[in-house]
Amino acid sequence: MSMSTATRTEPLTTSVSVEAPTAPGAPVQVRTTDGLLAVRTVRRDRVVAEVALVATGAVLLGGDHVVVRVSVADGCALTITDVGGTVAYDADGVPSLWDIIVTLGHGSQLSWLGLPFVVAEGADVTRSTTVRAEAGAQLALRETIAWGRAGERGGHALLRTEVHDARGPVVVEEIRASGHEQVPGVLGAARVLDTALVLGELPDPGEVALGDLCAGGSGGTYWARAARAALWDLAAGAHPDLTALRPARGGLLLRWLGPAAHLSPLERALER
């Protein structure tokens, strides 16, 4: 059964902005707006905020245009948690859009280890991720795309990624794939594409995180640093099915192709 809202043309934007405290000792400011995804603030301290993204209804239908804007101010940190995965539903080929736009200030941190995004049979989705990071910004971003639910081969997906730091482009990539077109060198026989992107070099185990300067420390900043360290450790290991790329401008791109998301080495490395 197809699910379409083809008459919907305007983008519906969800936004999260973390800004510096208004007074010494106060928590960071978190400003949000809800679209097809709602934002729930989990906690915040003098440096770090953690928010959860929750779908407000059936997402993603044909004709939907989801926009998620994330902004982290200089020296602040944000952890984003997905409450559930996302399904791009069968829409008889009616296109849908999913845009993520991230802006990271000087010395800021973002950890967003997303849950699987499933491209169901009959879906036609364009998903774009754009990151602009100032000097010293650190990022751990995971995107897991799965073609088809149980018993399906999956629909069509166009995946675009653009990451820029203060000096210029770090990663620019476009992937087209369909569950019905097993193109060698793209998906092949796999149905899951699991990718992790890291900005910032391998954390020094002895370094003092921003949040650790706050009273009682900050679990959010610790987790962001731990996630980056786990991904660097994974890249250094021997995993025959995992591809590790080092962009010329620094950072790390890890990619795995396989039959199911829970089999990914990224899943095991990032278990909390």
Foldseek 3Di string as FASTA:
>chain_A
DAFAPQVAADAWEWEWEWAADPDPFAWTDIDIDDGQWDKDWDDTGRAETEIEIHGPDQPDHQNYEYEYEYEYEARHEYEYHYPDEHEYGAHQQREYEAEYEYEEYHQYEYEYAYDEYEAAPNYEYEYEYEYEEEHNYKYKYKYKYFAHDVPTLHAKYWYWYWYAYPVGTQDTDIAIDGSVDQDPPHQNPFGMKIKIWIDDDQDDPPDQFSQCVDVPGDPRRVLRNLLQNLVVVVVPDDDPQKDWDAGPVGTIMIIGTHHDDCPDPSNVSNDD
